[in-house]
Protein backbone atom coordinates (compact mmCIF):
# COMPACT_ATOMS: atom_id res chain seq x y z
CA MET A 1 11.94 114.12 165.61
CA LYS A 2 14.88 114.80 168.04
CA HIS A 3 14.74 113.27 171.74
CA TYR A 4 17.06 114.44 174.87
CA LYS A 5 17.89 111.81 177.14
CA SER A 6 20.70 113.45 178.85
CA LEU A 7 21.28 117.02 179.53
CA VAL A 8 25.22 116.71 177.78
CA GLU A 9 23.68 115.57 174.38
CA LEU A 10 21.01 118.84 174.89
CA HIS A 11 23.60 121.14 175.72
CA ARG A 12 26.35 120.07 173.24
CA GLU A 13 23.81 119.86 170.06
CA ASN A 14 22.49 123.25 170.99
CA ALA A 15 25.89 124.99 171.61
CA LEU A 16 25.50 125.58 175.47
CA PRO A 17 28.32 125.01 177.62
CA ALA A 18 28.70 121.40 179.17
CA PRO A 19 26.12 121.20 182.33
CA GLU A 20 27.65 121.41 185.80
CA ASN A 21 25.82 118.67 186.74
CA PRO A 22 24.42 115.53 184.61
CA LEU A 23 21.15 116.23 185.98
CA PHE A 24 20.37 119.73 186.24
CA SER A 25 21.42 122.91 184.54
CA VAL A 26 20.62 126.70 183.82
CA TYR A 27 21.85 128.66 181.21
CA HIS A 28 21.74 132.60 181.08
CA CYS A 29 20.69 133.74 177.94
CA ASP A 30 22.18 136.65 176.18
CA ARG A 31 19.74 137.94 173.81
CA MET A 32 19.98 134.95 171.48
CA CYS A 33 18.99 132.30 172.77
CA SER A 34 17.29 128.85 170.80
CA MET A 35 17.29 125.27 171.03
CA GLY A 36 17.57 124.19 167.59
CA ASP A 37 15.16 124.41 164.34
CA ARG A 38 13.14 121.43 164.61
CA GLU A 39 10.75 119.79 167.10
CA PHE A 40 12.28 118.15 170.33
CA THR A 41 11.27 116.34 173.15
CA SER A 42 13.10 115.45 175.95
CA ASP A 43 13.48 113.78 180.02
CA PHE A 44 13.41 117.41 181.31
CA TYR A 45 11.36 119.97 183.10
CA MET A 46 12.27 123.48 181.61
CA ILE A 47 11.78 126.89 183.14
CA GLY A 48 12.13 129.42 180.80
CA PHE A 49 12.07 133.50 181.16
CA LYS A 50 12.23 135.69 177.80
CA LYS A 51 11.37 139.03 176.70
CA ILE A 52 11.28 137.83 172.50
CA ILE A 53 11.05 140.50 169.82
CA ALA A 54 11.48 138.11 167.01
CA GLY A 55 10.78 134.49 166.31
CA GLN A 56 8.68 132.36 167.63
CA ILE A 57 8.09 129.36 170.10
CA LEU A 58 5.48 126.66 169.69
CA TYR A 59 4.50 123.91 171.64
CA GLY A 60 0.83 122.18 172.34
CA ARG A 61 -1.47 123.76 170.03
CA THR A 62 -0.20 127.58 169.34
CA LYS A 63 2.20 129.88 169.29
CA TYR A 64 3.71 131.41 172.68
CA ASP A 65 2.38 134.77 173.12
CA HIS A 66 5.36 136.96 173.90
CA GLU A 67 3.89 140.45 174.51
CA SER A 68 5.58 140.94 177.50
CA GLY A 69 8.27 139.36 179.66
CA SER A 70 6.85 135.75 179.97
CA MET A 71 7.78 132.57 181.62
CA MET A 72 7.29 129.35 180.07
CA PHE A 73 7.02 125.72 181.85
CA PHE A 74 7.45 122.63 179.84
CA ARG A 75 7.48 119.22 181.49
CA PRO A 76 9.03 116.39 180.21
CA ASN A 77 8.21 114.29 176.53
CA GLN A 78 6.37 117.72 175.82
CA VAL A 79 6.81 118.48 171.88
CA ILE A 80 8.81 122.14 171.67
CA GLU A 81 9.68 124.03 168.97
CA MET A 82 11.96 126.97 168.89
CA LYS A 83 12.94 129.14 166.03
CA ASN A 84 15.03 132.57 165.28
CA LEU A 85 14.29 133.89 168.48
CA GLU A 86 15.93 137.36 169.41
CA PHE A 87 15.40 138.84 172.84
CA GLU A 88 14.60 142.35 173.70
CA GLU A 89 16.64 141.74 177.46
CA ASP A 90 18.13 138.52 179.07
CA GLY A 91 16.44 135.90 179.66
CA PHE A 92 17.15 132.39 181.32
CA LEU A 93 16.49 128.49 180.89
CA ILE A 94 16.65 125.70 183.76
CA PHE A 95 16.40 122.07 183.02
CA ILE A 96 15.67 119.43 185.55
CA HIS A 97 15.65 115.86 184.79
CA GLU A 98 13.36 113.63 186.12
CA ASP A 99 15.89 111.92 188.31
CA PHE A 100 16.92 114.64 190.03
CA LEU A 101 13.67 115.06 192.01
CA ASN A 102 14.02 111.28 192.95
CA GLY A 103 13.42 111.58 196.92
CA HIS A 104 12.69 114.74 197.18
CA ASN A 105 9.51 116.44 198.25
CA LEU A 106 9.23 118.46 194.98
CA HIS A 107 9.08 115.21 192.88
CA ASP A 108 5.50 114.69 193.59
CA ALA A 109 4.61 118.46 194.10
CA ILE A 110 5.89 119.21 190.65
CA LYS A 111 3.37 117.07 189.05
CA LYS A 112 0.44 119.56 190.76
CA TYR A 113 1.46 123.04 189.14
CA HIS A 114 -1.12 122.98 186.38
CA TYR A 115 1.05 125.37 184.32
CA PHE A 116 3.46 122.64 183.21
CA ASP A 117 0.42 121.48 181.21
CA TYR A 118 -1.14 124.94 179.84
CA GLU A 119 -0.93 125.75 176.22
CA THR A 120 1.53 128.42 174.74
CA ASN A 121 -1.17 131.37 174.75
CA GLU A 122 -1.48 130.84 178.37
CA ALA A 123 2.39 131.68 179.18
CA LEU A 124 2.79 133.49 182.61
CA HIS A 125 3.25 137.46 181.68
CA LEU A 126 4.99 139.04 184.71
CA SER A 127 4.88 142.72 186.18
CA PRO A 128 7.89 144.42 186.84
CA SER A 129 8.01 143.68 190.38
CA GLU A 130 7.22 139.92 189.88
CA GLU A 131 9.99 139.86 186.90
CA THR A 132 12.66 141.03 190.32
CA THR A 133 11.24 138.41 192.38
CA VAL A 134 12.21 135.28 189.88
CA TRP A 135 15.40 137.14 188.90
CA GLU A 136 16.11 137.23 191.95
CA LEU A 137 15.55 133.00 192.81
CA PHE A 138 17.19 132.28 189.44
CA HIS A 139 20.38 134.31 190.67
CA LYS A 140 20.33 131.94 193.50
CA ILE A 141 20.27 128.82 191.90
CA GLU A 142 22.49 129.93 189.22
CA THR A 143 25.15 131.03 192.30
CA GLU A 144 24.84 127.75 193.80
CA TYR A 145 24.94 126.01 190.33
CA ARG A 146 28.25 127.87 189.32
CA ASN A 147 29.66 126.53 192.75
CA ASN A 148 31.87 123.49 193.46
CA GLN A 149 28.50 121.17 194.54
CA ASP A 150 28.47 119.42 197.72
CA GLU A 151 26.00 117.53 199.89
CA TYR A 152 24.00 120.97 200.43
CA SER A 153 23.62 121.70 196.60
CA ARG A 154 20.98 119.58 195.56
CA GLU A 155 18.68 120.83 198.54
CA LEU A 156 19.62 124.75 198.10
CA ILE A 157 18.71 124.29 194.32
CA LEU A 158 15.50 122.74 194.87
CA ALA A 159 14.85 124.83 197.51
CA ASN A 160 14.80 127.85 195.22
CA VAL A 161 13.45 125.96 192.52
CA ASP A 162 10.65 125.05 194.61
CA THR A 163 10.20 128.64 196.07
CA MET A 164 10.14 129.89 192.22
CA LEU A 165 7.16 127.91 190.92
CA LYS A 166 4.95 128.68 194.05
CA TYR A 167 5.51 132.37 193.26
CA SER A 168 4.57 131.44 189.27
CA GLN A 169 1.46 129.98 191.04
CA ARG A 170 0.95 133.06 192.77
CA PHE A 171 1.48 135.64 189.79
CA TYR A 172 -0.69 133.29 187.61
CA LYS A 173 -3.66 133.78 190.08
CA ARG A 174 -3.16 137.33 189.63
CA GLN A 175 -2.80 137.08 186.01
CA PHE A 176 -6.25 135.01 185.91
CA LEU A 177 -8.12 138.55 187.79
CA ASN A 178 -6.17 140.87 185.45
CA ARG A 179 -6.73 139.39 182.06
CA THR A 180 -10.35 139.83 182.08
CA GLU A 181 -10.84 138.59 178.40
CA VAL A 182 -10.40 135.39 179.66
CA SER A 183 -11.30 135.47 183.57
CA GLY A 184 -14.89 136.81 184.26
CA LYS A 185 -16.25 135.16 181.04
CA THR A 186 -15.23 131.67 181.51
CA VAL A 187 -18.50 130.14 183.53
CA THR A 188 -20.78 131.66 181.32
CA ARG A 189 -18.66 130.10 178.08
CA PHE A 190 -18.72 127.22 180.03
CA ASN A 191 -22.18 126.87 180.69
CA GLU A 192 -22.69 127.34 177.36
CA GLU A 193 -20.98 124.88 175.88
CA ILE A 194 -22.24 122.33 178.29
CA ASN A 195 -25.47 123.34 177.51
CA ARG A 196 -25.00 123.25 173.46
CA TYR A 197 -23.69 119.79 174.08
CA ILE A 198 -27.39 118.51 176.04
CA ASN A 199 -28.96 120.27 173.38
CA ASN A 200 -26.86 118.76 170.32
CA GLY A 201 -27.83 115.09 172.01
CA LEU A 202 -24.37 114.62 172.92
CA LEU A 203 -25.51 113.29 176.18
CA THR A 204 -27.00 110.10 174.84
CA ALA A 205 -24.40 109.94 172.05
CA LYS A 206 -21.20 110.11 174.07
CA GLY A 207 -22.22 110.26 177.62
CA LEU A 208 -21.16 112.85 180.06
CA PRO A 209 -18.48 115.74 178.60
CA SER A 210 -14.99 115.21 179.68
CA VAL A 211 -13.09 118.53 180.94
CA GLN A 212 -10.65 117.66 177.93
CA TYR A 213 -13.97 118.12 175.70
CA MET A 214 -14.88 121.08 177.24
CA ALA A 215 -11.02 122.76 177.15
CA GLU A 216 -10.71 122.03 173.64
CA ARG A 217 -14.08 123.61 172.64
CA LEU A 218 -13.10 126.78 174.66
CA ASN A 219 -9.55 126.72 172.85
CA ILE A 220 -7.54 126.57 176.41
CA SER A 221 -6.26 123.72 178.14
CA ALA A 222 -7.99 121.70 180.19
CA GLY A 223 -5.55 122.88 183.29
CA TYR A 224 -5.69 126.32 182.38
CA LEU A 225 -9.51 126.00 182.53
CA SER A 226 -10.03 124.36 185.61
CA ASP A 227 -7.28 126.88 187.61
CA VAL A 228 -9.45 129.62 185.71
CA LEU A 229 -12.97 128.19 186.71
CA LYS A 230 -11.64 127.62 190.81
CA GLN A 231 -10.00 131.26 190.64
CA GLU A 232 -12.98 132.84 189.01
CA SER A 233 -15.92 130.81 191.02
CA GLY A 234 -14.31 128.56 193.86
CA LYS A 235 -15.41 125.09 192.12
CA THR A 236 -13.09 122.90 189.26
CA ALA A 237 -14.04 122.43 185.61
CA LEU A 238 -15.20 118.67 186.58
CA GLU A 239 -17.49 120.46 189.69
CA HIS A 240 -19.13 122.94 187.00
CA ILE A 241 -20.14 120.06 185.08
CA HIS A 242 -21.75 118.06 187.81
CA ILE A 243 -23.48 121.08 188.95
CA TYR A 244 -24.91 122.20 185.56
CA LEU A 245 -25.86 118.46 185.31
CA ILE A 246 -27.64 118.05 188.42
CA SER A 247 -29.49 120.84 187.84
CA GLU A 248 -30.72 119.61 184.83
CA ALA A 249 -31.24 116.57 186.44
CA LYS A 250 -33.68 117.92 189.49
CA ASN A 251 -35.50 119.98 186.32
CA ARG A 252 -36.22 116.53 184.68
CA LEU A 253 -36.92 115.00 187.56
CA ILE A 254 -39.86 117.65 188.51
CA GLY A 255 -40.90 118.12 184.77
CA GLU A 256 -41.02 114.15 183.05
CA ASP A 257 -42.65 111.18 184.05
CA ARG A 258 -39.73 108.88 183.96
CA SER A 259 -37.65 106.80 186.84
CA VAL A 260 -34.40 108.20 188.07
CA SER A 261 -32.59 105.66 186.61
CA GLU A 262 -34.43 106.53 182.91
CA ILE A 263 -33.13 110.51 183.79
CA ALA A 264 -29.56 109.43 184.99
CA TYR A 265 -28.82 107.30 181.73
CA ALA A 266 -30.44 110.40 179.79
CA LEU A 267 -28.12 112.59 181.25
CA GLY A 268 -24.66 110.56 180.62
CA PHE A 269 -24.26 108.56 183.69
CA GLU A 270 -23.68 105.19 182.91
CA ASN A 271 -23.72 104.37 186.72
CA LEU A 272 -27.06 105.01 188.70
CA SER A 273 -24.89 104.92 191.93
CA TYR A 274 -22.55 107.32 191.13
CA PHE A 275 -25.39 109.80 189.98
CA SER A 276 -27.60 108.95 192.97
CA ARG A 277 -24.08 109.98 195.33
CA LEU A 278 -23.42 112.75 193.08
CA PHE A 279 -26.80 114.51 193.31
CA LYS A 280 -26.88 113.68 197.34
CA LYS A 281 -23.48 115.45 197.68
CA GLU A 282 -25.20 118.41 195.60
CA VAL A 283 -28.58 118.59 196.58
CA GLY A 284 -28.49 116.92 200.31
CA ILE A 285 -30.75 113.97 199.41
CA SER A 286 -31.10 111.09 197.39
CA PRO A 287 -32.37 111.69 193.97
CA ASN A 288 -35.53 108.99 194.85
CA VAL A 289 -36.56 111.14 197.88
CA PHE A 290 -36.49 114.51 195.58
CA LYS A 291 -38.77 112.68 193.49
CA LYS A 292 -40.94 111.51 196.04
CA GLN A 293 -41.26 114.67 197.93
CA LEU A 294 -42.22 116.16 194.58
CA LEU A 295 -45.22 113.79 194.52
CA ASN A 296 -46.60 114.04 197.58
């Protein structure tokens, strides 16, 4: 598998014009725009917008959904593959080397955008007005990139990249609300999977289910799962796991003649103090006090 460490190498091997900056580049695609025909990884963040009418893009576990004009977000070292692409309209690619972010607030902020870890079937599908916003930001970035770069260039480029990422976060929240086949049903499916996990005895065998495990069961990425649940219910995937298990704990404390520690371990908690803190946070009192109140 090919790994690109430098933008110069990536541009040269994919027949793109030489980059204006060794750590940052943009490419305005004119219908045809591809990155070879094999899997590759890189040291770059990549942001792309495309309307695809032929070919396919793969990263993560699934094929890229190209029903409409969509944005894609790739993090460094992610496995990517692009084949035989044709575009309905122009598109763009933005490449940001990790080192270009050093010393800038975007260095840490970019890691907070979960959509860089989404799967391809979770791409951002833009409305016409959203497309206009994204293209306006891209043109600002491209103009600054094409100019003779000076001491202000990096700050201006990253300011517009930051704005593009913030808009993308907003647009994703709109997508969570509009795409009813995912949003609106996730909490129910999530709780069904936890219930299945418990009924199959996996709490005893494997302990608490992880967010990654739950995401795989629902066939979506962990980041997308948490973001959809947060939008839908105000709580993350991990919080939903905790809420479900505390509810189960309350039921067992009421209905079973077992100690708090026995019930905690049966629910997959290896640490009794962690279970007690979590229980008190959700219920308002400790599990011991909860059980004593029932006995009295």
